[in-house]
Amino acid sequence: MQNTTPIISFVSPVYRAEKILDKLVEEIQKVMLEINEPYEIILVDDRSPDNSWQVMQKLSENFSEVKSIRLSRNFGQHPSIMAGLSQVKGEWVVVLDCDLQDQPKEVLKLYTKAKEGYDVVLAKRKNRQDGFFKRKTSFIFSKIYSFFTDTLYDNEVANFGIYNKKVIDAILDISDYIKFFPLFVKFVGFSTTAIEVEHAEREEGNSTYTLSKLISLAFNTIISFSNKPLKLFVKFGLTISGISFLLGIYNLYLAITSQVEVLGYSSIIVSIWFLSGVIITTIGVTGIYVGKIFDQTKNRPIFVIDEIK
């Protein structure tokens, strides 16, 4: 099998997973015995601070179907996925997290569905086993993202799914500096469906996504995929201008009819602070977009591979 071109490639980003990698590979091997197709397993170490890399090296030594990749530093989950995707050889590619919440046994369902003629089969997590905080933040992100991009984003779908190689090639051709795999899948299109799969509890540890990281990911993703924040500020500015114009006409009327009263200090100060805040915020949002354009034009790689075993 090892000298045969794989039909299915598994890609899993690895971070703080030294205790569960053996089981991850074992579960993949079990389901591939049922599917009975040549396969490869690509594990990408996002420069994990534990002994994940050492475990990955042993797995590569013991199983020829396992390829281990180590990045030069911590680049993040989605650049790690891209690093793995850049190495795949299979006709079909399965992307799954290493924490075993995405259960390898469900790949049989995904692959069976894909053979009906779909290019993308997404795993829709039934009865999510994430904690309350993660489920709520995921829900809030989906609503905010849907609002700012005028699209439907399903928070029950994440990275887990099976993808035809042409889909992966199209995703790798996207040159966006900010990477978010599920949205790239949505962007490239192709024949897509979703099926329900069982979602498991984490085998070990907790999610490494802190609140600040989640906010940063959501903010960067929205800025990368939508210019609606700029449009909203334009609309808001026009609304303020319209109200100011009407108030100007009203005050002109008061002046003509000799009804002008001395305006209060408080109202002037409030107006100045309010409009100054609007202006500064608008300039700030515009500056963020300019900054992202600057990052994009530098054309730096989103990941750097240190070792491959």
Protein backbone atom coordinates (compact mmCIF):
# COMPACT_ATOMS: atom_id res chain seq x y z
CA MET A 1 0.00 0.00 0.00
CA GLN A 2 2.81 2.40 0.84
CA ASN A 3 4.11 2.37 -2.76
CA THR A 4 0.58 3.09 -4.03
CA THR A 5 -0.70 6.59 -4.64
CA PRO A 6 -3.15 7.34 -1.81
CA ILE A 7 -6.81 7.77 -2.60
CA ILE A 8 -7.57 9.52 0.69
CA SER A 9 -5.29 11.99 2.48
CA PHE A 10 -5.91 12.94 6.09
CA VAL A 11 -4.69 16.35 7.30
CA SER A 12 -4.69 17.25 10.97
CA PRO A 13 -3.08 20.31 12.62
CA VAL A 14 -1.39 19.39 15.91
CA TYR A 15 -1.02 21.51 19.03
CA ARG A 16 -0.67 20.21 22.60
CA ALA A 17 -1.74 16.71 21.56
CA GLU A 18 1.08 14.42 22.69
CA LYS A 19 -1.28 12.15 24.65
CA ILE A 20 -3.87 11.62 21.90
CA LEU A 21 -1.88 11.35 18.67
CA ASP A 22 -1.43 7.58 18.98
CA LYS A 23 -5.18 7.12 19.33
CA LEU A 24 -5.88 9.51 16.46
CA VAL A 25 -3.72 7.45 14.09
CA GLU A 26 -5.19 4.22 15.43
CA GLU A 27 -8.77 5.41 14.82
CA ILE A 28 -7.90 6.51 11.28
CA GLN A 29 -6.33 3.13 10.59
CA LYS A 30 -9.48 1.38 11.82
CA VAL A 31 -11.83 3.27 9.52
CA MET A 32 -9.47 2.84 6.56
CA LEU A 33 -9.60 -0.93 7.05
CA GLU A 34 -13.34 -0.63 6.37
CA ILE A 35 -12.96 1.73 3.43
CA ASN A 36 -10.11 -0.38 2.04
CA GLU A 37 -8.40 2.33 -0.02
CA PRO A 38 -4.75 3.50 -0.04
CA TYR A 39 -4.31 6.47 2.28
CA GLU A 40 -1.86 8.81 3.96
CA ILE A 41 -1.98 10.70 7.26
CA ILE A 42 -0.39 14.14 7.35
CA LEU A 43 0.16 15.56 10.82
CA VAL A 44 1.26 19.20 11.07
CA ASP A 45 2.98 20.31 14.26
CA ASP A 46 2.22 24.00 14.81
CA ARG A 47 5.35 24.20 16.95
CA SER A 48 3.56 22.72 19.93
CA PRO A 49 5.35 23.41 23.25
CA ASP A 50 4.82 19.83 24.51
CA ASN A 51 6.27 16.57 23.15
CA SER A 52 3.88 16.30 20.21
CA TRP A 53 6.71 16.42 17.65
CA GLN A 54 8.56 13.56 19.31
CA VAL A 55 5.38 11.45 19.26
CA MET A 56 4.79 12.35 15.62
CA GLN A 57 8.32 11.29 14.68
CA LYS A 58 7.78 7.88 16.27
CA LEU A 59 4.50 7.46 14.43
CA SER A 60 6.21 8.23 11.13
CA GLU A 61 8.91 5.69 11.94
CA ASN A 62 6.36 2.99 12.85
CA PHE A 63 3.82 3.62 10.07
CA SER A 64 4.89 4.49 6.55
CA GLU A 65 1.48 6.04 5.81
CA VAL A 66 2.11 8.75 8.44
CA LYS A 67 3.92 11.92 7.31
CA SER A 68 4.86 14.40 10.03
CA ILE A 69 5.49 18.06 9.27
CA ARG A 70 6.91 20.57 11.72
CA LEU A 71 6.51 24.31 11.19
CA SER A 72 9.34 26.71 12.03
CA ARG A 73 7.18 28.52 14.61
CA ASN A 74 3.60 28.75 15.78
CA PHE A 75 1.59 30.08 12.82
CA GLY A 76 -1.92 29.13 13.97
CA GLN A 77 -4.46 26.43 13.20
CA HIS A 78 -5.50 27.50 9.71
CA PRO A 79 -2.01 28.16 8.30
CA SER A 80 -1.13 24.71 9.69
CA ILE A 81 -4.02 23.21 7.74
CA MET A 82 -2.76 24.96 4.61
CA ALA A 83 0.72 23.54 5.20
CA GLY A 84 -0.74 20.04 5.35
CA LEU A 85 -2.90 20.60 2.28
CA SER A 86 0.17 21.68 0.32
CA GLN A 87 1.61 18.17 0.78
CA VAL A 88 -1.41 15.95 0.00
CA LYS A 89 -1.37 13.42 -2.83
CA GLY A 90 -4.80 11.83 -2.47
CA GLU A 91 -7.79 12.21 -4.75
CA TRP A 92 -9.84 13.00 -1.64
CA VAL A 93 -8.73 15.00 1.39
CA VAL A 94 -10.12 14.73 4.90
CA VAL A 95 -9.44 17.65 7.26
CA LEU A 96 -9.99 16.98 10.94
CA ASP A 97 -8.83 18.35 14.26
CA CYS A 98 -6.45 16.26 16.35
CA ASP A 99 -8.48 16.36 19.58
CA LEU A 100 -10.75 13.46 18.43
CA GLN A 101 -13.89 15.54 18.69
CA ASP A 102 -13.94 15.02 14.93
CA GLN A 103 -14.28 11.25 14.99
CA PRO A 104 -12.36 9.38 12.26
CA LYS A 105 -15.06 6.67 12.14
CA GLU A 106 -17.41 9.25 10.58
CA VAL A 107 -15.15 9.45 7.52
CA LEU A 108 -16.87 6.32 6.16
CA LYS A 109 -20.15 8.27 5.99
CA LEU A 110 -18.45 11.26 4.41
CA TYR A 111 -16.65 9.20 1.77
CA THR A 112 -19.77 7.21 0.92
CA LYS A 113 -21.71 10.45 0.43
CA ALA A 114 -18.91 11.97 -1.66
CA LYS A 115 -19.03 9.05 -4.08
CA GLU A 116 -22.62 10.04 -4.90
CA GLY A 117 -21.12 12.88 -6.95
CA TYR A 118 -20.28 15.63 -4.46
CA ASP A 119 -16.99 17.51 -4.44
CA VAL A 120 -17.38 18.63 -0.83
CA VAL A 121 -19.12 16.79 2.01
CA LEU A 122 -19.14 18.80 5.22
CA ALA A 123 -19.58 17.27 8.65
CA LYS A 124 -22.47 18.90 10.50
CA ARG A 125 -21.86 18.38 14.20
CA LYS A 126 -24.90 16.82 15.87
CA ASN A 127 -25.21 17.56 19.61
CA ARG A 128 -21.97 19.50 19.91
CA GLN A 129 -19.93 18.43 22.91
CA ASP A 130 -18.07 21.72 23.28
CA GLY A 131 -18.36 23.75 26.45
CA PHE A 132 -21.01 26.43 26.90
CA PHE A 133 -18.55 29.26 26.25
CA LYS A 134 -17.25 27.82 22.98
CA ARG A 135 -20.74 27.03 21.69
CA LYS A 136 -21.97 30.54 22.47
CA THR A 137 -18.97 32.31 20.96
CA SER A 138 -19.27 30.13 17.85
CA PHE A 139 -22.95 31.04 17.55
CA ILE A 140 -22.25 34.75 18.01
CA PHE A 141 -19.45 34.63 15.42
CA SER A 142 -21.72 32.94 12.89
CA LYS A 143 -24.38 35.64 13.31
CA ILE A 144 -21.90 38.51 13.12
CA TYR A 145 -20.13 37.02 10.11
CA SER A 146 -23.43 36.36 8.33
CA PHE A 147 -24.48 39.98 8.95
CA PHE A 148 -21.25 41.55 7.71
CA THR A 149 -20.89 39.33 4.63
CA ASP A 150 -24.57 38.91 3.71
CA THR A 151 -24.10 35.13 3.61
CA LEU A 152 -25.32 32.18 5.65
CA TYR A 153 -22.66 30.74 7.95
CA ASP A 154 -23.52 27.53 9.81
CA ASN A 155 -21.74 27.33 13.17
CA GLU A 156 -22.41 23.57 13.28
CA VAL A 157 -19.90 23.12 10.44
CA ALA A 158 -16.15 23.61 10.98
CA ASN A 159 -13.03 22.13 9.36
CA PHE A 160 -14.14 18.49 9.40
CA GLY A 161 -15.18 17.18 6.02
CA ILE A 162 -14.00 15.43 2.88
CA TYR A 163 -12.90 17.44 -0.14
CA ASN A 164 -12.03 16.55 -3.72
CA LYS A 165 -8.45 17.39 -4.70
CA LYS A 166 -9.66 20.03 -7.19
CA VAL A 167 -11.35 21.85 -4.30
CA ILE A 168 -8.12 21.79 -2.30
CA ASP A 169 -6.13 23.03 -5.31
CA ALA A 170 -8.57 25.93 -5.69
CA ILE A 171 -8.23 26.79 -1.99
CA LEU A 172 -4.43 26.72 -2.17
CA ASP A 173 -4.60 29.17 -5.08
CA ILE A 174 -6.30 31.78 -2.86
CA SER A 175 -3.62 34.33 -2.01
CA ASP A 176 -5.35 35.95 0.98
CA TYR A 177 -2.88 36.64 3.79
CA ILE A 178 -5.54 35.87 6.42
CA LYS A 179 -6.48 32.20 6.25
CA PHE A 180 -9.75 30.67 7.46
CA PHE A 181 -10.32 27.25 5.95
CA PRO A 182 -14.14 26.87 6.29
CA LEU A 183 -14.76 30.20 4.58
CA PHE A 184 -12.34 29.34 1.76
CA VAL A 185 -14.34 26.15 1.20
CA LYS A 186 -17.50 28.24 0.98
CA PHE A 187 -15.85 30.75 -1.34
CA VAL A 188 -14.56 28.29 -3.97
CA GLY A 189 -17.96 26.65 -4.34
CA PHE A 190 -18.22 23.31 -6.20
CA SER A 191 -20.89 20.69 -5.55
CA THR A 192 -21.38 20.73 -1.78
CA THR A 193 -23.54 18.99 0.77
CA ALA A 194 -23.50 18.40 4.53
CA ILE A 195 -24.41 15.37 6.62
CA GLU A 196 -24.83 14.98 10.36
CA VAL A 197 -22.03 13.27 12.28
CA GLU A 198 -21.49 12.43 15.91
CA HIS A 199 -19.40 14.95 17.81
CA ALA A 200 -17.31 13.68 20.73
CA GLU A 201 -15.96 15.30 23.86
CA ARG A 202 -12.30 16.30 23.94
CA GLU A 203 -10.04 13.39 24.76
CA GLU A 204 -7.50 15.55 26.55
CA GLY A 205 -7.07 19.13 27.77
CA ASN A 206 -9.01 22.23 26.81
CA SER A 207 -9.34 24.33 23.70
CA THR A 208 -6.34 26.59 23.13
CA TYR A 209 -8.60 29.33 21.72
CA THR A 210 -8.84 32.04 24.38
CA LEU A 211 -11.46 34.81 24.23
CA SER A 212 -8.88 37.25 22.87
CA LYS A 213 -7.82 34.78 20.16
CA LEU A 214 -11.44 34.16 19.17
CA ILE A 215 -12.15 37.90 18.96
CA SER A 216 -8.98 38.44 16.91
CA LEU A 217 -9.87 35.58 14.55
CA ALA A 218 -13.43 36.85 14.10
CA PHE A 219 -12.27 40.44 13.54
CA ASN A 220 -9.54 39.53 11.04
CA THR A 221 -11.83 37.16 9.17
CA ILE A 222 -14.61 39.73 8.81
CA ILE A 223 -12.14 42.40 7.68
CA SER A 224 -10.64 39.95 5.17
CA PHE A 225 -13.93 38.77 3.69
CA SER A 226 -16.09 41.89 3.86
CA ASN A 227 -15.97 45.66 3.33
CA LYS A 228 -19.38 46.10 4.93
CA PRO A 229 -17.96 47.87 8.03
CA LEU A 230 -16.77 50.68 5.75
CA LYS A 231 -20.17 50.83 4.04
CA LEU A 232 -21.93 50.99 7.42
CA PHE A 233 -19.78 53.96 8.48
CA VAL A 234 -20.54 55.71 5.19
CA LYS A 235 -24.28 55.21 5.80
CA PHE A 236 -23.90 56.36 9.39
CA GLY A 237 -21.96 59.46 8.29
CA LEU A 238 -24.62 60.30 5.70
CA THR A 239 -27.34 59.86 8.33
CA ILE A 240 -25.54 62.22 10.72
CA SER A 241 -25.06 64.72 7.87
CA GLY A 242 -28.74 64.51 7.00
CA ILE A 243 -29.81 65.11 10.60
CA SER A 244 -27.34 68.01 10.88
CA PHE A 245 -28.71 69.56 7.68
CA LEU A 246 -32.28 69.40 9.02
CA LEU A 247 -31.18 70.87 12.35
CA GLY A 248 -29.39 73.65 10.44
CA ILE A 249 -32.60 74.52 8.58
CA TYR A 250 -34.50 74.51 11.88
CA ASN A 251 -31.97 76.83 13.52
CA LEU A 252 -32.09 79.13 10.48
CA TYR A 253 -35.85 79.30 10.92
CA LEU A 254 -35.40 80.19 14.59
CA ALA A 255 -32.93 82.95 13.64
CA ILE A 256 -35.28 84.43 11.03
CA THR A 257 -38.19 84.44 13.48
CA SER A 258 -36.02 85.88 16.28
CA GLN A 259 -36.46 82.82 18.46
CA VAL A 260 -32.77 81.98 18.86
CA GLU A 261 -31.76 81.16 22.39
CA VAL A 262 -28.20 80.87 23.70
CA LEU A 263 -27.18 77.24 23.23
CA GLY A 264 -26.01 75.36 26.28
CA TYR A 265 -22.40 74.43 26.92
CA SER A 266 -23.28 70.77 27.56
CA SER A 267 -24.98 70.23 24.20
CA ILE A 268 -22.00 71.70 22.34
CA ILE A 269 -19.48 69.53 24.21
CA VAL A 270 -21.57 66.38 23.74
CA SER A 271 -21.87 67.08 20.01
CA ILE A 272 -18.14 67.67 19.64
CA TRP A 273 -17.21 64.49 21.54
CA PHE A 274 -19.80 62.42 19.70
CA LEU A 275 -18.78 63.52 16.21
CA SER A 276 -15.08 63.30 17.12
CA GLY A 277 -15.62 59.73 18.24
CA VAL A 278 -17.38 58.89 14.97
CA ILE A 279 -14.56 60.46 12.94
CA ILE A 280 -11.80 58.72 14.89
CA THR A 281 -13.58 55.36 14.69
CA THR A 282 -14.11 55.75 10.94
CA ILE A 283 -10.46 56.65 10.41
CA GLY A 284 -9.44 53.69 12.60
CA VAL A 285 -11.51 51.18 10.62
CA THR A 286 -10.16 52.61 7.37
CA GLY A 287 -6.64 52.34 8.76
CA ILE A 288 -7.20 48.69 9.62
CA TYR A 289 -8.18 47.95 6.03
CA VAL A 290 -5.11 49.83 4.79
CA GLY A 291 -2.98 47.80 7.22
CA LYS A 292 -4.41 44.53 5.88
CA ILE A 293 -3.68 45.69 2.34
CA PHE A 294 -0.10 46.40 3.45
CA ASP A 295 0.20 42.88 4.93
CA GLN A 296 -1.16 41.39 1.71
CA THR A 297 1.21 43.32 -0.57
CA LYS A 298 4.26 42.08 1.37
CA ASN A 299 3.39 38.62 0.07
CA ARG A 300 5.05 36.81 2.96
CA PRO A 301 4.45 33.05 3.29
CA ILE A 302 1.71 32.11 5.74
CA PHE A 303 3.75 29.15 6.99
CA VAL A 304 7.34 27.93 6.92
CA ILE A 305 8.10 24.21 7.09
CA ASP A 306 11.06 23.25 9.28
CA GLU A 307 11.10 19.45 9.01
CA ILE A 308 9.25 16.65 7.26
CA LYS A 309 9.44 13.06 8.54
